[in-house]
N, C-alpha and C. Protein backbone atom coordinates (compact mmCIF):
# COMPACT_ATOMS: atom_id res chain seq x y z
N UNK A 1 65.66 88.26 120.39
CA UNK A 1 65.33 88.97 119.53
C UNK A 1 66.51 90.54 119.58
N UNK A 2 67.53 90.74 120.62
CA UNK A 2 68.46 91.62 121.37
C UNK A 2 69.21 91.29 119.61
N UNK A 3 69.75 89.88 119.36
CA UNK A 3 70.26 90.60 118.18
C UNK A 3 70.45 90.92 117.06
N UNK A 4 68.28 90.57 117.08
CA UNK A 4 67.81 91.27 115.78
C UNK A 4 67.91 92.64 115.55
N UNK A 5 67.29 93.07 116.93
CA UNK A 5 68.07 94.49 116.72
C UNK A 5 68.40 95.28 117.04
N UNK A 6 70.09 94.94 117.13
CA UNK A 6 70.91 94.75 116.39
C UNK A 6 71.59 95.44 115.56
N UNK A 7 70.82 93.95 115.37
CA UNK A 7 71.76 93.77 113.27
C UNK A 7 70.38 94.78 112.59
N UNK A 8 69.49 95.22 112.83
CA UNK A 8 68.48 96.16 112.05
C UNK A 8 69.37 97.49 112.65
N UNK A 9 69.46 98.05 113.86
CA UNK A 9 70.14 99.10 113.66
C UNK A 9 71.57 99.55 113.05
N UNK A 10 72.24 98.21 112.99
CA UNK A 10 73.22 98.32 112.03
C UNK A 10 72.82 98.64 110.12
N UNK A 11 71.92 97.95 110.01
CA UNK A 11 71.18 98.26 108.63
C UNK A 11 70.74 99.66 108.61
N UNK A 12 70.40 99.86 109.73
CA UNK A 12 70.13 101.56 109.74
C UNK A 12 71.08 102.43 109.79
N UNK A 13 71.91 102.10 110.49
CA UNK A 13 73.78 103.02 110.50
C UNK A 13 74.08 103.03 108.90
N UNK A 14 73.71 101.58 108.88
CA UNK A 14 74.60 101.38 107.42
C UNK A 14 73.90 102.14 105.91
N UNK A 15 73.27 102.58 106.15
CA UNK A 15 72.22 102.99 105.16
C UNK A 15 72.85 105.20 105.18
N UNK A 16 72.88 105.63 106.45
CA UNK A 16 72.77 106.66 107.01
C UNK A 16 74.29 106.66 106.67
N UNK A 17 75.38 106.02 107.33
CA UNK A 17 76.60 105.97 106.41
C UNK A 17 76.75 106.23 105.14
N UNK A 18 75.73 105.55 104.36
CA UNK A 18 76.32 105.68 102.53
C UNK A 18 75.63 106.34 102.56
N UNK A 19 74.05 107.51 102.85
CA UNK A 19 74.25 108.88 102.65
C UNK A 19 75.31 109.36 102.34
N UNK A 20 75.70 109.72 103.25
CA UNK A 20 76.90 110.84 102.78
C UNK A 20 78.13 110.33 103.51
N UNK A 21 78.98 109.53 102.76
CA UNK A 21 80.79 109.09 103.43
C UNK A 21 81.28 109.34 103.58
N UNK A 22 81.31 110.78 102.51
CA UNK A 22 82.75 111.70 103.60
C UNK A 22 82.53 112.72 105.13
N UNK A 23 81.11 112.55 105.18
CA UNK A 23 80.77 113.50 106.86
C UNK A 23 81.93 112.22 107.13
N UNK A 24 80.91 111.07 106.96
CA UNK A 24 80.61 109.78 107.94
C UNK A 24 82.45 109.43 108.39
N UNK A 25 82.64 109.37 107.79
CA UNK A 25 84.42 109.56 107.83
C UNK A 25 85.60 110.56 108.55
N UNK A 26 85.04 111.66 108.22
CA UNK A 26 85.05 112.81 108.76
C UNK A 26 85.47 112.16 110.85
N UNK A 27 83.55 112.31 110.60
CA UNK A 27 82.83 112.10 112.19
C UNK A 27 83.56 110.86 112.80
N UNK A 28 84.16 109.72 112.08
CA UNK A 28 84.94 108.65 112.38
C UNK A 28 85.97 109.10 113.01
N UNK A 29 86.91 110.28 112.09
CA UNK A 29 87.81 110.54 112.63
C UNK A 29 88.24 111.34 113.79
N UNK A 30 87.11 112.44 114.14
CA UNK A 30 87.36 113.07 114.99
C UNK A 30 86.71 112.18 116.43
N UNK A 31 86.08 111.43 116.42
CA UNK A 31 85.33 110.51 117.06
C UNK A 31 86.74 109.90 117.86
N UNK A 32 87.42 109.28 116.79
CA UNK A 32 88.76 108.38 117.30
C UNK A 32 89.75 109.75 117.83
N UNK A 33 90.08 110.66 117.15
CA UNK A 33 90.76 111.38 118.26
C UNK A 33 90.70 111.29 118.69
N UNK A 34 89.33 111.78 119.50
CA UNK A 34 88.57 112.45 120.91
C UNK A 34 89.07 111.89 122.16
N UNK A 35 88.74 110.18 121.53
CA UNK A 35 89.06 109.12 122.20
C UNK A 35 89.98 108.82 123.21
N UNK A 36 91.24 108.68 121.57
CA UNK A 36 92.52 108.99 122.09
C UNK A 36 92.92 109.57 122.88
N UNK A 37 92.38 111.06 122.67
CA UNK A 37 92.82 112.27 123.68
C UNK A 37 92.28 112.02 125.03
N UNK A 38 91.12 111.28 125.07
CA UNK A 38 90.32 111.21 126.41
C UNK A 38 91.25 110.17 127.48
N UNK A 39 91.60 109.50 126.58
CA UNK A 39 92.45 107.62 126.84
C UNK A 39 93.71 108.39 127.89
N UNK A 40 94.19 109.14 126.86
CA UNK A 40 95.84 109.57 126.69
C UNK A 40 96.41 110.15 127.56
N UNK A 41 95.22 111.35 128.46
CA UNK A 41 94.64 111.99 129.54
C UNK A 41 94.94 111.51 130.52
N UNK A 42 93.88 110.25 130.44
CA UNK A 42 93.39 109.18 131.80
C UNK A 42 95.25 108.73 132.51
N UNK A 43 95.36 108.00 130.67
CA UNK A 43 96.89 107.30 130.70
C UNK A 43 97.53 108.00 131.80
N UNK A 44 98.09 109.48 131.22
CA UNK A 44 99.04 110.49 132.00
C UNK A 44 98.85 110.59 133.75
N UNK A 45 97.60 110.88 133.77
CA UNK A 45 97.21 111.14 135.16
C UNK A 45 97.48 109.92 136.24
N UNK A 46 96.66 108.76 135.33
CA UNK A 46 96.93 107.74 136.14
C UNK A 46 99.18 106.83 136.26
N UNK A 47 99.61 107.17 135.43
CA UNK A 47 100.79 107.68 135.35
C UNK A 47 101.55 107.73 136.49
N UNK A 48 100.73 108.76 136.83
CA UNK A 48 101.95 110.12 137.85
C UNK A 48 101.58 109.16 139.46
N UNK A 49 101.03 108.57 138.85
CA UNK A 49 100.40 108.04 139.93
C UNK A 49 101.20 106.37 140.77
N UNK A 50 101.97 106.29 139.58
CA UNK A 50 102.68 105.09 139.86
C UNK A 50 104.35 104.71 140.62
N UNK A 51 103.79 104.04 141.45
CA UNK A 51 105.13 103.36 142.08
C UNK A 51 106.61 103.34 140.94
N UNK A 52 107.40 103.55 141.50
CA UNK A 52 109.10 103.62 140.10
C UNK A 52 108.71 104.15 139.04
N UNK A 53 110.31 104.56 138.83
CA UNK A 53 110.43 105.25 137.34
C UNK A 53 110.30 104.65 135.87
N UNK A 54 110.54 103.22 136.33
CA UNK A 54 110.66 102.48 134.93
C UNK A 54 108.84 102.82 134.96
N UNK A 55 107.56 102.15 135.44
CA UNK A 55 106.63 101.95 135.58
C UNK A 55 105.62 103.65 135.39
N UNK A 56 106.11 104.53 135.89
CA UNK A 56 105.28 105.52 135.77
C UNK A 56 105.94 106.47 133.98
N UNK A 57 106.98 106.36 133.82
CA UNK A 57 108.28 106.19 132.56
C UNK A 57 106.69 105.81 131.07
N UNK A 58 105.91 104.72 131.50
CA UNK A 58 106.01 103.81 130.68
C UNK A 58 105.00 104.84 130.28
N UNK A 59 103.79 104.29 131.38
CA UNK A 59 102.54 104.70 131.32
C UNK A 59 102.70 106.29 130.84
N UNK A 60 103.43 107.09 131.80
CA UNK A 60 102.70 108.48 131.41
C UNK A 60 103.67 108.60 129.51
N UNK A 61 104.71 107.94 129.85
CA UNK A 61 105.10 107.60 128.02
C UNK A 61 104.06 107.48 126.94
N UNK A 62 103.31 106.77 126.74
CA UNK A 62 102.43 105.67 126.29
C UNK A 62 100.91 106.56 126.33
N UNK A 63 100.46 107.72 127.54
CA UNK A 63 99.72 108.30 127.46
C UNK A 63 99.94 109.51 126.76
N UNK A 64 101.46 110.51 126.54
CA UNK A 64 101.35 110.87 125.76
C UNK A 64 101.67 110.71 124.42
N UNK A 65 101.43 109.09 123.86
CA UNK A 65 101.48 108.66 122.86
C UNK A 65 100.77 109.26 122.21
N UNK A 66 99.35 108.20 123.06
CA UNK A 66 98.19 108.11 122.12
C UNK A 66 97.29 109.91 122.61
N UNK A 67 97.78 110.83 123.36
CA UNK A 67 97.68 111.80 123.33
C UNK A 67 97.69 112.92 121.85
N UNK A 68 99.04 112.11 121.81
CA UNK A 68 99.42 112.77 120.54
C UNK A 68 98.79 112.36 119.18
N UNK A 69 98.78 111.16 119.09
CA UNK A 69 97.83 110.38 118.40
C UNK A 69 96.12 110.98 117.89
N UNK A 70 95.61 111.36 119.78
CA UNK A 70 93.88 111.80 119.34
C UNK A 70 94.15 113.38 119.10
N UNK A 71 95.68 113.99 118.89
CA UNK A 71 95.49 115.07 118.18
C UNK A 71 95.58 115.03 117.10
N UNK A 72 96.29 114.80 117.20
CA UNK A 72 96.81 114.36 115.32
C UNK A 72 95.57 113.82 114.11
N UNK A 73 94.98 112.85 115.14
CA UNK A 73 93.26 112.76 114.58
C UNK A 73 92.26 113.96 114.22
N UNK A 74 92.73 114.41 115.47
CA UNK A 74 91.39 115.72 115.23
C UNK A 74 91.52 116.97 114.44
N UNK A 75 93.40 117.23 113.94
CA UNK A 75 93.64 118.34 113.92
C UNK A 75 94.15 118.05 112.07
N UNK A 76 94.07 116.75 111.37
CA UNK A 76 94.11 115.90 109.81
C UNK A 76 93.78 114.89 110.14
N UNK A 77 92.16 115.17 109.97
CA UNK A 77 91.29 114.44 109.69
C UNK A 77 91.19 113.51 108.85
N UNK A 78 91.38 114.51 107.47
CA UNK A 78 91.92 113.61 105.92
C UNK A 78 93.00 112.76 106.63
N UNK A 79 93.88 112.98 106.79
CA UNK A 79 95.16 111.82 107.05
C UNK A 79 94.38 111.13 108.28
N UNK A 80 93.61 111.62 109.21
CA UNK A 80 93.89 110.16 110.04
C UNK A 80 93.02 109.59 109.39
N UNK A 81 91.71 109.72 108.79
CA UNK A 81 90.29 109.19 108.00
C UNK A 81 91.30 107.98 106.88
N UNK A 82 92.75 108.37 106.49
CA UNK A 82 93.38 107.11 106.49
C UNK A 82 93.55 105.81 106.75
N UNK A 83 94.33 106.56 107.75
CA UNK A 83 95.09 105.92 108.72
C UNK A 83 94.13 104.72 109.40
N UNK A 84 92.81 105.77 109.02
CA UNK A 84 91.85 104.81 110.34
C UNK A 84 91.50 103.59 109.04
N UNK A 85 91.49 103.45 107.55
CA UNK A 85 91.79 102.62 106.61
C UNK A 85 91.70 101.52 107.09
N UNK A 86 93.64 101.64 107.54
CA UNK A 86 94.55 100.44 107.92
C UNK A 86 93.50 99.95 109.41
N UNK A 87 93.03 100.41 110.24
CA UNK A 87 92.51 99.52 111.08
C UNK A 87 91.00 99.28 110.72
N UNK A 88 90.18 99.76 109.50
CA UNK A 88 88.98 99.48 109.23
C UNK A 88 89.60 97.79 108.19
N UNK A 89 90.06 98.04 107.56
CA UNK A 89 91.07 96.54 107.20
C UNK A 89 91.10 96.26 107.60
N UNK A 90 92.05 96.09 109.09
CA UNK A 90 91.85 95.08 109.91
C UNK A 90 91.22 95.14 110.87
N UNK A 91 89.86 94.99 110.99
CA UNK A 91 88.80 95.05 111.87
C UNK A 91 87.94 93.84 110.75
N UNK A 92 87.27 94.57 109.41
CA UNK A 92 86.94 93.98 108.82
C UNK A 92 87.25 92.14 108.33
N UNK A 93 88.55 92.10 108.06
CA UNK A 93 88.75 90.27 108.23
C UNK A 93 88.77 89.99 109.51
N UNK A 94 89.11 90.64 110.54
CA UNK A 94 88.96 90.04 111.87
C UNK A 94 87.23 89.28 111.38
N UNK A 95 86.56 90.25 111.58
CA UNK A 95 84.89 90.72 111.76
C UNK A 95 84.58 89.25 110.57
N UNK A 96 84.69 89.19 109.75
CA UNK A 96 84.61 88.37 109.14
C UNK A 96 85.19 87.07 108.87
N UNK A 97 86.18 86.99 109.27
CA UNK A 97 86.65 85.63 110.05
C UNK A 97 85.69 84.75 110.94
N UNK A 98 85.57 85.22 111.88
CA UNK A 98 85.14 85.45 112.92
C UNK A 98 83.39 84.48 112.69
N UNK A 99 83.19 85.33 111.36
CA UNK A 99 81.44 85.09 111.53
C UNK A 99 81.67 84.01 110.63
N UNK A 100 82.62 83.35 109.57
CA UNK A 100 82.89 82.28 108.68
C UNK A 100 83.01 81.18 110.04
N UNK A 101 83.89 81.61 110.81
CA UNK A 101 84.49 80.02 112.09
C UNK A 101 82.82 80.22 112.34
N UNK A 102 81.84 80.72 113.13
CA UNK A 102 80.66 80.98 113.67
C UNK A 102 79.61 80.18 112.77
N UNK A 103 79.46 80.28 111.86
CA UNK A 103 78.50 80.08 110.97
C UNK A 103 79.90 78.27 111.13
N UNK A 104 80.55 77.57 110.84
CA UNK A 104 80.61 76.41 111.18
C UNK A 104 79.24 75.93 111.86
N UNK A 105 79.55 76.34 113.00
CA UNK A 105 78.82 75.85 114.76
C UNK A 105 77.32 75.83 113.67
N UNK A 106 76.74 76.82 113.11
CA UNK A 106 75.24 76.53 112.14
C UNK A 106 74.76 75.72 111.34
N UNK A 107 76.21 74.72 111.35
CA UNK A 107 76.49 74.30 109.39
C UNK A 107 75.23 73.61 109.09
N UNK A 108 74.58 72.72 110.20
CA UNK A 108 72.92 71.77 110.15
C UNK A 108 71.92 72.97 109.99
N UNK A 109 71.64 74.46 110.08
CA UNK A 109 70.40 74.70 110.19
C UNK A 109 71.07 75.30 108.80
N UNK A 110 69.34 76.33 108.02
CA UNK A 110 69.21 77.02 107.50
C UNK A 110 70.09 78.51 107.81
N UNK A 111 70.01 78.93 108.85
CA UNK A 111 71.49 79.92 108.66
C UNK A 111 72.86 79.64 108.53
N UNK A 112 73.37 78.51 107.64
CA UNK A 112 74.89 78.66 107.73
C UNK A 112 75.09 79.44 107.08
N UNK A 113 74.42 79.78 105.43
CA UNK A 113 74.83 80.28 104.20
C UNK A 113 74.66 81.39 104.74
N UNK A 114 73.71 82.23 104.88
CA UNK A 114 73.70 83.47 105.17
C UNK A 114 74.71 84.45 106.12
N UNK A 115 75.09 83.61 107.48
CA UNK A 115 76.23 83.93 107.56
C UNK A 115 77.59 83.44 106.97
N UNK A 116 77.44 82.87 106.40
CA UNK A 116 78.90 82.44 105.93
C UNK A 116 79.13 82.96 104.89
N UNK A 117 77.92 83.24 104.25
CA UNK A 117 78.29 84.87 103.13
C UNK A 117 78.15 85.84 103.78
N UNK A 118 78.08 86.14 105.01
CA UNK A 118 78.22 87.82 105.69
C UNK A 118 79.55 87.74 105.59
N UNK A 119 80.25 86.60 106.49
CA UNK A 119 81.50 86.73 107.05
C UNK A 119 82.82 86.75 105.57
N UNK A 120 82.48 86.30 104.13
CA UNK A 120 83.20 86.10 103.64
C UNK A 120 82.87 87.15 101.97
N UNK A 121 82.00 88.68 102.63
CA UNK A 121 82.15 89.61 101.96
C UNK A 121 82.71 90.48 102.45
N UNK A 122 83.02 90.35 104.19
CA UNK A 122 84.01 90.51 104.56
C UNK A 122 85.08 91.18 105.09
N UNK A 123 85.58 89.96 104.79
CA UNK A 123 87.06 89.16 104.18
C UNK A 123 86.96 90.14 102.41
N UNK A 124 86.33 89.74 102.24
CA UNK A 124 86.50 90.63 100.05
C UNK A 124 86.48 92.03 100.23
N UNK A 125 85.74 92.30 101.15
CA UNK A 125 85.69 94.24 101.38
C UNK A 125 86.83 93.73 102.15
N UNK A 126 88.06 93.86 102.48
CA UNK A 126 89.21 93.97 103.67
C UNK A 126 90.23 93.65 102.42
N UNK A 127 90.04 92.51 101.10
CA UNK A 127 91.04 92.40 100.63
C UNK A 127 90.35 93.06 99.22
N UNK A 128 89.87 93.69 98.82
CA UNK A 128 89.51 95.08 98.28
C UNK A 128 90.53 96.15 99.03
N UNK A 129 89.92 96.53 99.64
CA UNK A 129 90.97 97.70 100.32
C UNK A 129 92.08 97.98 100.57
N UNK A 130 92.85 95.94 100.56
CA UNK A 130 93.99 96.47 100.89
C UNK A 130 94.47 96.36 99.51
N UNK A 131 94.27 95.80 98.54
CA UNK A 131 94.42 95.93 96.65
C UNK A 131 94.52 97.50 96.55
N UNK A 132 93.68 97.97 96.73
CA UNK A 132 93.79 99.13 96.54
C UNK A 132 94.24 101.05 97.35
N UNK A 133 94.89 100.06 98.62
CA UNK A 133 94.72 101.06 100.12
C UNK A 133 95.77 102.43 99.53
N UNK A 134 96.59 101.97 97.97
CA UNK A 134 97.10 103.62 98.06
C UNK A 134 96.00 104.33 97.48
N UNK A 135 95.15 103.97 96.69
CA UNK A 135 94.08 105.11 96.19
C UNK A 135 92.77 105.52 97.06
N UNK A 136 92.77 104.64 97.97
CA UNK A 136 92.45 104.49 98.89
C UNK A 136 91.58 106.25 99.32
N UNK A 137 90.42 106.45 99.37
CA UNK A 137 89.64 107.76 99.53
C UNK A 137 89.14 107.80 101.09
N UNK A 138 88.48 109.28 101.16
CA UNK A 138 88.15 109.69 102.37
C UNK A 138 86.37 108.85 102.04
N UNK A 139 86.32 108.69 100.80
CA UNK A 139 84.98 109.08 100.73
C UNK A 139 84.92 107.08 100.42
N UNK A 140 85.61 106.92 100.28
CA UNK A 140 85.69 105.07 100.01
C UNK A 140 85.73 104.85 100.84
N UNK A 141 86.39 105.41 102.20
CA UNK A 141 86.23 104.36 103.53
C UNK A 141 85.38 104.92 103.64
N UNK A 142 84.34 105.75 104.06
CA UNK A 142 83.10 105.90 104.15
C UNK A 142 81.78 104.91 103.90
N UNK A 143 81.88 104.94 102.23
CA UNK A 143 81.66 103.39 101.21
C UNK A 143 81.84 102.45 102.17
N UNK A 144 83.03 101.83 102.39
CA UNK A 144 82.95 100.50 102.75
C UNK A 144 82.68 100.76 104.05
N UNK A 145 82.91 101.18 105.44
CA UNK A 145 82.22 101.52 106.37
C UNK A 145 80.72 101.25 106.44
N UNK A 146 80.01 101.90 105.44
CA UNK A 146 78.70 102.06 105.38
C UNK A 146 78.22 100.25 105.03
N UNK A 147 78.80 99.74 104.00
CA UNK A 147 78.99 98.86 103.74
C UNK A 147 78.70 97.71 104.27
N UNK A 148 80.03 97.56 105.41
CA UNK A 148 80.59 96.41 106.36
C UNK A 148 79.67 96.85 107.40
N UNK A 149 79.00 97.85 107.42
CA UNK A 149 77.39 98.09 108.44
C UNK A 149 76.28 97.16 108.50
N UNK A 150 76.52 97.54 106.90
CA UNK A 150 74.86 96.30 105.87
C UNK A 150 75.06 94.99 106.39
N UNK A 151 76.05 94.17 105.74
CA UNK A 151 76.92 93.37 106.27
C UNK A 151 76.26 92.61 107.83
N UNK A 152 77.24 93.49 108.50
CA UNK A 152 77.25 93.31 110.27
C UNK A 152 75.67 92.81 110.08
N UNK A 153 74.87 94.07 110.06
CA UNK A 153 73.67 93.81 110.90
C UNK A 153 72.88 92.84 109.89
N UNK A 154 72.71 92.44 109.00
CA UNK A 154 73.22 90.67 108.12
C UNK A 154 73.10 89.84 109.46
N UNK A 155 74.06 90.15 109.61
CA UNK A 155 74.64 88.80 110.17
C UNK A 155 74.11 88.84 111.48
N UNK A 156 73.69 90.12 112.33
CA UNK A 156 73.30 89.62 113.95
C UNK A 156 71.31 89.49 113.08
N UNK A 157 71.28 89.53 112.12
CA UNK A 157 69.34 89.38 112.22
C UNK A 157 69.41 88.05 111.72
N UNK A 158 70.48 87.49 111.66
CA UNK A 158 70.47 85.89 111.37
C UNK A 158 70.53 85.40 112.49
N UNK A 159 72.03 85.92 113.40
CA UNK A 159 72.09 85.66 114.77
C UNK A 159 71.44 85.45 116.00
N UNK A 160 70.21 86.57 115.48
CA UNK A 160 69.31 86.62 116.16
C UNK A 160 68.03 86.00 115.67
N UNK A 161 68.13 85.81 114.88
CA UNK A 161 66.73 84.43 114.52
C UNK A 161 66.89 83.09 115.14
N UNK A 162 68.66 82.85 114.69
CA UNK A 162 69.18 81.43 114.80
C UNK A 162 69.02 81.07 116.59
N UNK A 163 69.51 82.58 117.06
CA UNK A 163 69.16 82.09 118.40
C UNK A 163 67.37 82.18 119.20
N UNK A 164 66.99 82.35 118.31
CA UNK A 164 65.50 82.61 118.79
C UNK A 164 64.98 80.88 118.35
N UNK A 165 65.63 80.53 117.38
CA UNK A 165 64.87 78.85 117.01
C UNK A 165 65.51 78.05 117.55
N UNK A 166 67.07 78.75 118.14
CA UNK A 166 67.66 77.28 119.06
C UNK A 166 68.08 77.65 120.45
N UNK A 167 66.81 78.12 121.63
CA UNK A 167 67.19 79.27 122.57
C UNK A 167 68.14 78.53 123.48
N UNK A 168 68.57 76.81 123.60
CA UNK A 168 69.10 76.04 124.43
C UNK A 168 70.22 76.61 124.41
N UNK A 169 70.80 77.13 123.13
CA UNK A 169 72.61 77.14 122.66
C UNK A 169 72.06 78.98 123.41
N UNK A 170 71.77 79.77 123.39
CA UNK A 170 71.80 81.68 123.83
C UNK A 170 71.90 81.14 125.37
N UNK A 171 71.65 79.38 126.22
CA UNK A 171 71.81 80.00 127.53
C UNK A 171 73.42 79.31 128.24
N UNK A 172 73.45 80.06 129.16
CA UNK A 172 75.02 79.04 129.37
C UNK A 172 74.90 78.10 130.08
N UNK A 173 75.61 76.86 129.96
CA UNK A 173 75.69 75.49 130.09
C UNK A 173 76.10 75.61 131.49
N UNK A 174 75.46 74.34 132.54
CA UNK A 174 75.23 74.36 133.65
C UNK A 174 76.61 73.55 134.06
N UNK A 175 77.55 73.34 135.08
CA UNK A 175 78.51 72.53 135.36
C UNK A 175 78.10 71.61 135.76
């Protein structure tokens, strides 16, 4: 039931995001910026403890780059949202593809079609973003994120009910 509850949470978050797409897009960009800034700072601190000039320079350089990216997202959230549109496009395609592949393991059950459709819709969203990327706005990004959360939630609910009806698949196999 954990998967079904996670799916329900994803569905609820999708509805909230669709209620204010611009705010959701800005929030995602700000959170991403803050996380890059924190990760960059940690990378710089870690790099200072590295031995050897090459390792130290690479580690500190990567930390500075991550921190710069984080600051860029924080100070330019609209431009950051457009950059994140590309990342979300990639995630939509990958997660949709994974659900399609996983659907084939459910082929002999009633859960095959819902999982397959969930994955296919995510791939269609990725294709739509790609086709309209030049005109993608901050609001569109929030709409697509909200819709993906809805599809992701449907997929997790289906997965939860599938695993509940086939508990032998949820347990690790013993060698």
